[in-house]
């Protein structure tokens, strides 16, 4: 059984650390920043519309999901 990730790296924590560091240094110019911000905005709107979830929780979930999608590629 092959346990390698699609990008060839088994350490997704290290990949996430690298992406977050790059996003912090480059800001909006980093390729991961716009999709994560879009996911955060969609999550915030969904959180505001749903009765149980507040917009901050929706924002965090949306950003986290978009970031995860970005890392696993």
N, C-alpha and C. Protein backbone atom coordinates (compact mmCIF):
# COMPACT_ATOMS: atom_id res chain seq x y z
N UNK A 1 0.84 -1.18 0.00
CA UNK A 1 0.00 0.00 0.00
C UNK A 1 0.88 1.24 0.00
N UNK A 2 0.56 2.18 -0.84
CA UNK A 2 1.36 3.39 -0.97
C UNK A 2 0.74 4.50 -0.14
N UNK A 3 1.49 5.04 0.83
CA UNK A 3 0.99 6.06 1.73
C UNK A 3 1.37 7.48 1.31
N UNK A 4 1.89 7.64 0.13
CA UNK A 4 2.32 8.97 -0.29
C UNK A 4 1.15 9.83 -0.71
N UNK A 5 1.28 11.10 -0.39
CA UNK A 5 0.28 12.09 -0.78
C UNK A 5 0.43 12.39 -2.27
N UNK A 6 -0.59 13.01 -2.90
CA UNK A 6 -0.50 13.34 -4.32
C UNK A 6 0.70 14.24 -4.66
N UNK A 7 1.08 15.14 -3.76
CA UNK A 7 2.20 16.03 -4.03
C UNK A 7 3.54 15.36 -3.76
N UNK A 8 3.55 14.14 -3.28
CA UNK A 8 4.78 13.43 -3.00
C UNK A 8 5.29 13.66 -1.60
N UNK A 9 4.57 14.37 -0.79
CA UNK A 9 5.00 14.65 0.57
C UNK A 9 4.07 13.95 1.55
N UNK A 10 4.66 13.27 2.53
CA UNK A 10 3.85 12.60 3.52
C UNK A 10 3.54 13.50 4.70
N UNK A 11 4.25 14.59 4.84
CA UNK A 11 4.12 15.46 6.00
C UNK A 11 3.25 16.67 5.66
N UNK A 12 1.94 16.53 5.81
CA UNK A 12 1.03 17.62 5.46
C UNK A 12 1.15 18.78 6.42
N UNK A 13 1.61 18.52 7.65
CA UNK A 13 1.81 19.60 8.61
C UNK A 13 2.91 20.53 8.12
N UNK A 14 3.97 19.95 7.59
CA UNK A 14 5.06 20.77 7.05
C UNK A 14 4.59 21.55 5.83
N UNK A 15 3.76 20.93 4.98
CA UNK A 15 3.20 21.64 3.83
C UNK A 15 2.33 22.81 4.29
N UNK A 16 1.51 22.59 5.31
CA UNK A 16 0.64 23.65 5.82
C UNK A 16 1.48 24.78 6.41
N UNK A 17 2.52 24.43 7.14
CA UNK A 17 3.40 25.44 7.73
C UNK A 17 4.05 26.29 6.63
N UNK A 18 4.50 25.64 5.57
CA UNK A 18 5.12 26.36 4.46
C UNK A 18 4.13 27.29 3.78
N UNK A 19 2.90 26.81 3.57
CA UNK A 19 1.88 27.65 2.93
C UNK A 19 1.51 28.85 3.80
N UNK A 20 1.32 28.62 5.08
CA UNK A 20 0.96 29.72 5.98
C UNK A 20 2.09 30.74 6.05
N UNK A 21 3.31 30.26 6.10
CA UNK A 21 4.46 31.16 6.12
C UNK A 21 4.52 31.99 4.84
N UNK A 22 4.32 31.34 3.71
CA UNK A 22 4.32 32.05 2.43
C UNK A 22 3.19 33.06 2.34
N UNK A 23 2.01 32.69 2.84
CA UNK A 23 0.87 33.61 2.82
C UNK A 23 1.13 34.81 3.72
N UNK A 24 1.79 34.58 4.85
CA UNK A 24 2.09 35.68 5.77
C UNK A 24 3.13 36.63 5.17
N UNK A 25 4.11 36.09 4.47
CA UNK A 25 5.16 36.92 3.89
C UNK A 25 4.71 37.67 2.65
N UNK A 26 3.98 36.99 1.75
CA UNK A 26 3.61 37.59 0.48
C UNK A 26 2.25 38.27 0.49
N UNK A 27 1.43 37.97 1.48
CA UNK A 27 0.11 38.59 1.56
C UNK A 27 -0.79 38.17 0.43
N UNK A 28 -1.48 39.12 -0.17
CA UNK A 28 -2.46 38.84 -1.22
C UNK A 28 -1.80 38.34 -2.50
N UNK A 29 -0.50 38.55 -2.65
CA UNK A 29 0.20 38.11 -3.85
C UNK A 29 0.51 36.62 -3.85
N UNK A 30 0.35 35.94 -2.73
CA UNK A 30 0.60 34.50 -2.66
C UNK A 30 -0.55 33.77 -3.35
N UNK A 31 -0.25 32.72 -4.12
CA UNK A 31 -1.32 32.02 -4.85
C UNK A 31 -2.39 31.38 -3.97
N UNK A 32 -2.10 31.10 -2.72
CA UNK A 32 -3.08 30.47 -1.85
C UNK A 32 -4.01 31.47 -1.17
N UNK A 33 -3.62 32.72 -1.12
CA UNK A 33 -4.41 33.70 -0.37
C UNK A 33 -5.79 33.95 -0.96
N UNK A 34 -5.93 34.25 -2.26
CA UNK A 34 -7.28 34.51 -2.78
C UNK A 34 -8.28 33.35 -2.60
N UNK A 35 -7.90 32.08 -2.85
CA UNK A 35 -8.87 31.01 -2.62
C UNK A 35 -9.27 30.86 -1.16
N UNK A 36 -8.33 31.08 -0.24
CA UNK A 36 -8.64 30.96 1.18
C UNK A 36 -9.55 32.10 1.61
N UNK A 37 -9.30 33.30 1.13
CA UNK A 37 -10.17 34.43 1.46
C UNK A 37 -11.57 34.24 0.87
N UNK A 38 -11.64 33.69 -0.33
CA UNK A 38 -12.94 33.40 -0.93
C UNK A 38 -13.70 32.36 -0.11
N UNK A 39 -13.01 31.32 0.31
CA UNK A 39 -13.63 30.30 1.16
C UNK A 39 -14.12 30.88 2.47
N UNK A 40 -13.33 31.80 3.04
CA UNK A 40 -13.72 32.45 4.29
C UNK A 40 -14.99 33.28 4.09
N UNK A 41 -15.05 34.01 2.98
CA UNK A 41 -16.23 34.84 2.71
C UNK A 41 -17.47 33.98 2.49
N UNK A 42 -17.34 32.92 1.73
CA UNK A 42 -18.48 32.02 1.50
C UNK A 42 -18.93 31.39 2.81
N UNK A 43 -17.97 30.98 3.64
CA UNK A 43 -18.31 30.39 4.93
C UNK A 43 -19.01 31.38 5.85
N UNK A 44 -18.56 32.64 5.82
CA UNK A 44 -19.19 33.66 6.65
C UNK A 44 -20.63 33.92 6.23
N UNK A 45 -20.87 33.98 4.93
CA UNK A 45 -22.24 34.18 4.43
C UNK A 45 -23.11 32.98 4.79
N UNK A 46 -22.59 31.78 4.60
CA UNK A 46 -23.35 30.58 4.96
C UNK A 46 -23.63 30.55 6.45
N UNK A 47 -22.64 30.94 7.26
CA UNK A 47 -22.83 30.97 8.71
C UNK A 47 -23.88 31.98 9.14
N UNK A 48 -23.94 33.10 8.43
CA UNK A 48 -24.93 34.12 8.76
C UNK A 48 -26.35 33.66 8.39
N UNK A 49 -26.46 32.83 7.35
CA UNK A 49 -27.77 32.37 6.90
C UNK A 49 -28.29 31.18 7.69
N UNK A 50 -27.39 30.36 8.20
CA UNK A 50 -27.82 29.17 8.94
C UNK A 50 -28.14 29.53 10.38
N UNK A 51 -29.19 28.93 10.94
CA UNK A 51 -29.63 29.33 12.28
C UNK A 51 -28.70 28.90 13.42
N UNK A 52 -27.95 27.83 13.26
CA UNK A 52 -27.15 27.31 14.36
C UNK A 52 -25.71 27.86 14.34
N UNK A 53 -25.19 28.11 13.16
CA UNK A 53 -23.80 28.53 13.00
C UNK A 53 -23.74 30.04 12.88
N UNK A 54 -22.85 30.66 13.63
CA UNK A 54 -22.66 32.10 13.52
C UNK A 54 -21.67 32.40 12.40
N UNK A 55 -21.60 33.66 11.97
CA UNK A 55 -20.71 33.99 10.86
C UNK A 55 -19.23 33.80 11.19
N UNK A 56 -18.76 34.05 12.43
CA UNK A 56 -17.33 33.79 12.68
C UNK A 56 -16.96 32.30 12.55
N UNK A 57 -17.84 31.44 13.01
CA UNK A 57 -17.60 30.01 12.88
C UNK A 57 -17.63 29.60 11.41
N UNK A 58 -18.58 30.14 10.67
CA UNK A 58 -18.65 29.87 9.23
C UNK A 58 -17.41 30.36 8.50
N UNK A 59 -16.91 31.53 8.90
CA UNK A 59 -15.70 32.08 8.30
C UNK A 59 -14.51 31.15 8.55
N UNK A 60 -14.37 30.69 9.77
CA UNK A 60 -13.26 29.79 10.11
C UNK A 60 -13.37 28.46 9.37
N UNK A 61 -14.57 27.92 9.31
CA UNK A 61 -14.76 26.65 8.61
C UNK A 61 -14.51 26.80 7.12
N UNK A 62 -15.02 27.88 6.53
CA UNK A 62 -14.80 28.12 5.11
C UNK A 62 -13.33 28.31 4.77
N UNK A 63 -12.62 29.09 5.58
CA UNK A 63 -11.19 29.31 5.34
C UNK A 63 -10.42 28.01 5.54
N UNK A 64 -10.77 27.26 6.58
CA UNK A 64 -10.09 25.99 6.83
C UNK A 64 -10.30 24.99 5.71
N UNK A 65 -11.51 24.92 5.19
CA UNK A 65 -11.80 23.99 4.10
C UNK A 65 -11.04 24.39 2.83
N UNK A 66 -11.05 25.67 2.51
CA UNK A 66 -10.32 26.15 1.32
C UNK A 66 -8.82 25.91 1.48
N UNK A 67 -8.29 26.13 2.68
CA UNK A 67 -6.87 25.91 2.92
C UNK A 67 -6.54 24.42 2.79
N UNK A 68 -7.39 23.57 3.33
CA UNK A 68 -7.18 22.13 3.22
C UNK A 68 -7.19 21.68 1.75
N UNK A 69 -8.13 22.20 0.98
CA UNK A 69 -8.19 21.87 -0.44
C UNK A 69 -6.92 22.30 -1.15
N UNK A 70 -6.41 23.43 -0.75
CA UNK A 70 -5.19 23.97 -1.36
C UNK A 70 -3.97 23.12 -0.99
N UNK A 71 -3.91 22.64 0.25
CA UNK A 71 -2.77 21.85 0.73
C UNK A 71 -2.76 20.46 0.12
N UNK A 72 -3.91 19.85 -0.01
CA UNK A 72 -3.93 18.46 -0.48
C UNK A 72 -3.64 18.32 -1.96
N UNK A 73 -3.64 19.41 -2.72
CA UNK A 73 -3.34 19.33 -4.17
C UNK A 73 -1.90 19.08 -4.41
